Structures are given as structure tokens and as C-alpha cells.
Amino acid sequence: MWRELVTEFPDVELHDQATDDSLAGIESKFGQRTPISLREFLCHTDGIDAPHGTALVRDSEKILTVQETP
């Protein structure tokens, strides 16, 4: 589904799917299950980049580097 939607925008770059390890890492870091919609998305494509490297949707590695706010 996601890949079909994104093909409407020819300048975006889809990543390969996220690994099970990266998904488990996200859940471990935040201490909860990944929302179903995000998990489904990351299982299809691990992030979407626009021209010049702008991340439209962060990949799992970038999600893991997000700093939690108190």
C-alpha cells in the first residue's frame, strides 16, 4: 500500500524494509509496542527520503536516535 501511494511522487526514495532487530530495538527503547500503522509502514519501507536527503519519514535507525523529552 505505502509503495503504491509514494509512486505518485517520482522524486522520493524508498528504503528497503526495516529489520526485525531494528523494530525490536524501537520497542525496547520506548518500552512499548510499535503502533500497528508504523510497524506496517516500516515492514514495507524503512523510511522515505525526498530530494537532497530530506527525510519525509524517518527510518528505524533515526527513530532509535530520537531523544526522549522529560
N, C-alpha and C. Protein backbone atom coordinates (compact mmCIF):
# COMPACT_ATOMS: atom_id res chain seq x y z
N MET A 1 0.82 -1.20 0.00
CA MET A 1 0.00 0.00 0.00
C MET A 1 0.86 1.26 0.00
N TRP A 2 1.84 1.34 0.92
CA TRP A 2 2.67 2.54 1.01
C TRP A 2 3.46 2.78 -0.26
N ARG A 3 4.03 1.72 -0.81
CA ARG A 3 4.82 1.87 -2.03
C ARG A 3 3.97 2.40 -3.17
N GLU A 4 2.74 1.94 -3.26
CA GLU A 4 1.85 2.41 -4.32
C GLU A 4 1.51 3.89 -4.15
N LEU A 5 1.27 4.30 -2.91
CA LEU A 5 0.96 5.71 -2.66
C LEU A 5 2.14 6.62 -2.99
N VAL A 6 3.32 6.19 -2.63
CA VAL A 6 4.50 7.02 -2.81
C VAL A 6 4.92 7.12 -4.27
N THR A 7 4.56 6.17 -5.09
CA THR A 7 4.93 6.24 -6.50
C THR A 7 4.29 7.44 -7.20
N GLU A 8 3.30 8.06 -6.57
CA GLU A 8 2.70 9.28 -7.10
C GLU A 8 3.71 10.44 -7.09
N PHE A 9 4.76 10.30 -6.30
CA PHE A 9 5.77 11.34 -6.15
C PHE A 9 7.10 10.80 -6.66
N PRO A 10 7.46 11.12 -7.89
CA PRO A 10 8.62 10.48 -8.52
C PRO A 10 9.98 10.84 -7.92
N ASP A 11 10.08 11.89 -7.14
CA ASP A 11 11.37 12.32 -6.62
C ASP A 11 11.71 11.75 -5.25
N VAL A 12 10.84 10.91 -4.69
CA VAL A 12 11.12 10.36 -3.37
C VAL A 12 11.86 9.03 -3.49
N GLU A 13 12.60 8.71 -2.44
CA GLU A 13 13.37 7.47 -2.39
C GLU A 13 12.85 6.60 -1.26
N LEU A 14 12.46 5.38 -1.61
CA LEU A 14 12.01 4.41 -0.60
C LEU A 14 13.18 3.58 -0.15
N HIS A 15 13.27 3.32 1.12
CA HIS A 15 14.30 2.46 1.67
C HIS A 15 13.82 1.01 1.63
N ASP A 16 14.76 0.07 1.81
CA ASP A 16 14.38 -1.32 1.98
C ASP A 16 13.62 -1.44 3.30
N GLN A 17 12.97 -2.57 3.51
CA GLN A 17 12.19 -2.73 4.74
C GLN A 17 13.08 -2.78 5.97
N ALA A 18 12.50 -2.41 7.10
CA ALA A 18 13.23 -2.45 8.37
C ALA A 18 13.46 -3.90 8.78
N THR A 19 14.51 -4.12 9.53
CA THR A 19 14.80 -5.47 10.02
C THR A 19 14.01 -5.74 11.30
N ASP A 20 13.85 -7.01 11.61
CA ASP A 20 13.20 -7.38 12.87
C ASP A 20 13.97 -6.83 14.07
N ASP A 21 15.30 -6.83 13.95
CA ASP A 21 16.13 -6.31 15.05
C ASP A 21 15.89 -4.82 15.28
N SER A 22 15.75 -4.04 14.19
CA SER A 22 15.54 -2.60 14.37
C SER A 22 14.15 -2.33 14.95
N LEU A 23 13.15 -3.11 14.54
CA LEU A 23 11.81 -2.94 15.11
C LEU A 23 11.81 -3.31 16.59
N ALA A 24 12.50 -4.38 16.94
CA ALA A 24 12.61 -4.77 18.35
C ALA A 24 13.36 -3.70 19.14
N GLY A 25 14.37 -3.09 18.53
CA GLY A 25 15.12 -2.03 19.19
C GLY A 25 14.25 -0.82 19.51
N ILE A 26 13.37 -0.46 18.58
CA ILE A 26 12.46 0.66 18.80
C ILE A 26 11.55 0.35 19.98
N GLU A 27 10.99 -0.85 20.00
CA GLU A 27 10.08 -1.23 21.08
C GLU A 27 10.82 -1.27 22.42
N SER A 28 12.04 -1.74 22.40
CA SER A 28 12.82 -1.79 23.63
C SER A 28 13.14 -0.39 24.14
N LYS A 29 13.55 0.49 23.22
CA LYS A 29 13.92 1.86 23.62
C LYS A 29 12.75 2.60 24.25
N PHE A 30 11.57 2.48 23.65
CA PHE A 30 10.43 3.24 24.13
C PHE A 30 9.55 2.47 25.12
N GLY A 31 9.88 1.17 25.33
CA GLY A 31 9.18 0.39 26.32
C GLY A 31 7.74 0.08 26.01
N GLN A 32 7.41 0.04 24.72
CA GLN A 32 6.05 -0.31 24.32
C GLN A 32 6.03 -0.82 22.89
N ARG A 33 4.94 -1.45 22.52
CA ARG A 33 4.82 -1.97 21.17
C ARG A 33 4.78 -0.81 20.16
N THR A 34 5.36 -1.04 19.01
CA THR A 34 5.29 -0.05 17.93
C THR A 34 3.85 0.01 17.44
N PRO A 35 3.28 1.20 17.24
CA PRO A 35 1.92 1.29 16.71
C PRO A 35 1.81 0.48 15.41
N ILE A 36 0.68 -0.19 15.24
CA ILE A 36 0.49 -1.08 14.11
C ILE A 36 0.75 -0.38 12.78
N SER A 37 0.24 0.83 12.62
CA SER A 37 0.42 1.53 11.34
C SER A 37 1.89 1.81 11.06
N LEU A 38 2.66 2.19 12.09
CA LEU A 38 4.09 2.45 11.90
C LEU A 38 4.83 1.15 11.62
N ARG A 39 4.50 0.09 12.34
CA ARG A 39 5.13 -1.22 12.11
C ARG A 39 4.87 -1.68 10.68
N GLU A 40 3.63 -1.59 10.22
CA GLU A 40 3.31 -1.99 8.84
C GLU A 40 4.09 -1.16 7.84
N PHE A 41 4.18 0.13 8.09
CA PHE A 41 4.93 1.01 7.20
C PHE A 41 6.40 0.58 7.13
N LEU A 42 7.03 0.43 8.30
CA LEU A 42 8.44 0.08 8.34
C LEU A 42 8.72 -1.31 7.77
N CYS A 43 7.73 -2.18 7.80
CA CYS A 43 7.90 -3.51 7.20
C CYS A 43 7.85 -3.44 5.67
N HIS A 44 7.29 -2.38 5.13
CA HIS A 44 7.26 -2.18 3.67
C HIS A 44 8.44 -1.35 3.20
N THR A 45 8.72 -0.29 3.91
CA THR A 45 9.84 0.59 3.56
C THR A 45 10.35 1.25 4.83
N ASP A 46 11.64 1.18 5.03
CA ASP A 46 12.24 1.73 6.25
C ASP A 46 12.58 3.20 6.04
N GLY A 47 11.55 4.00 5.86
CA GLY A 47 11.73 5.44 5.69
C GLY A 47 11.56 5.89 4.25
N ILE A 48 11.29 7.17 4.11
CA ILE A 48 11.13 7.80 2.80
C ILE A 48 11.93 9.09 2.80
N ASP A 49 12.75 9.26 1.79
CA ASP A 49 13.53 10.49 1.64
C ASP A 49 13.06 11.27 0.42
N ALA A 50 13.06 12.58 0.57
CA ALA A 50 12.77 13.48 -0.53
C ALA A 50 14.10 13.91 -1.15
N PRO A 51 14.06 14.70 -2.23
CA PRO A 51 15.31 15.16 -2.83
C PRO A 51 16.21 15.85 -1.80
N HIS A 52 17.50 15.74 -2.01
CA HIS A 52 18.52 16.36 -1.17
C HIS A 52 18.60 15.74 0.22
N GLY A 53 18.10 14.51 0.39
CA GLY A 53 18.25 13.80 1.64
C GLY A 53 17.29 14.19 2.76
N THR A 54 16.27 14.94 2.45
CA THR A 54 15.29 15.31 3.46
C THR A 54 14.44 14.09 3.80
N ALA A 55 14.38 13.73 5.07
CA ALA A 55 13.59 12.57 5.49
C ALA A 55 12.12 12.97 5.64
N LEU A 56 11.27 12.40 4.78
CA LEU A 56 9.84 12.61 4.93
C LEU A 56 9.30 11.75 6.06
N VAL A 57 9.81 10.53 6.13
CA VAL A 57 9.50 9.61 7.22
C VAL A 57 10.84 9.03 7.66
N ARG A 58 11.16 9.18 8.92
CA ARG A 58 12.45 8.70 9.44
C ARG A 58 12.54 7.18 9.33
N ASP A 59 13.76 6.71 9.09
CA ASP A 59 13.99 5.27 9.08
C ASP A 59 14.17 4.79 10.52
N SER A 60 14.17 3.48 10.70
CA SER A 60 14.22 2.93 12.06
C SER A 60 15.48 3.33 12.82
N GLU A 61 16.59 3.45 12.13
CA GLU A 61 17.83 3.86 12.82
C GLU A 61 17.72 5.29 13.34
N LYS A 62 17.08 6.17 12.59
CA LYS A 62 16.90 7.55 13.06
C LYS A 62 15.88 7.60 14.20
N ILE A 63 14.87 6.75 14.13
CA ILE A 63 13.89 6.69 15.23
C ILE A 63 14.61 6.29 16.52
N LEU A 64 15.56 5.37 16.41
CA LEU A 64 16.29 4.92 17.59
C LEU A 64 17.18 6.01 18.19
N THR A 65 17.51 7.04 17.42
CA THR A 65 18.36 8.10 17.93
C THR A 65 17.56 9.28 18.50
N VAL A 66 16.23 9.21 18.43
CA VAL A 66 15.39 10.28 18.95
C VAL A 66 15.60 10.40 20.46
N GLN A 67 15.76 11.61 20.92
CA GLN A 67 15.93 11.86 22.34
C GLN A 67 14.55 12.01 22.99
N GLU A 68 14.35 11.29 24.06
CA GLU A 68 13.09 11.40 24.78
C GLU A 68 13.06 12.71 25.55
N THR A 69 11.89 13.33 25.59
CA THR A 69 11.74 14.57 26.36
C THR A 69 11.13 14.23 27.71
N PRO A 70 11.59 14.91 28.75
CA PRO A 70 11.08 14.59 30.10
C PRO A 70 9.63 14.98 30.27
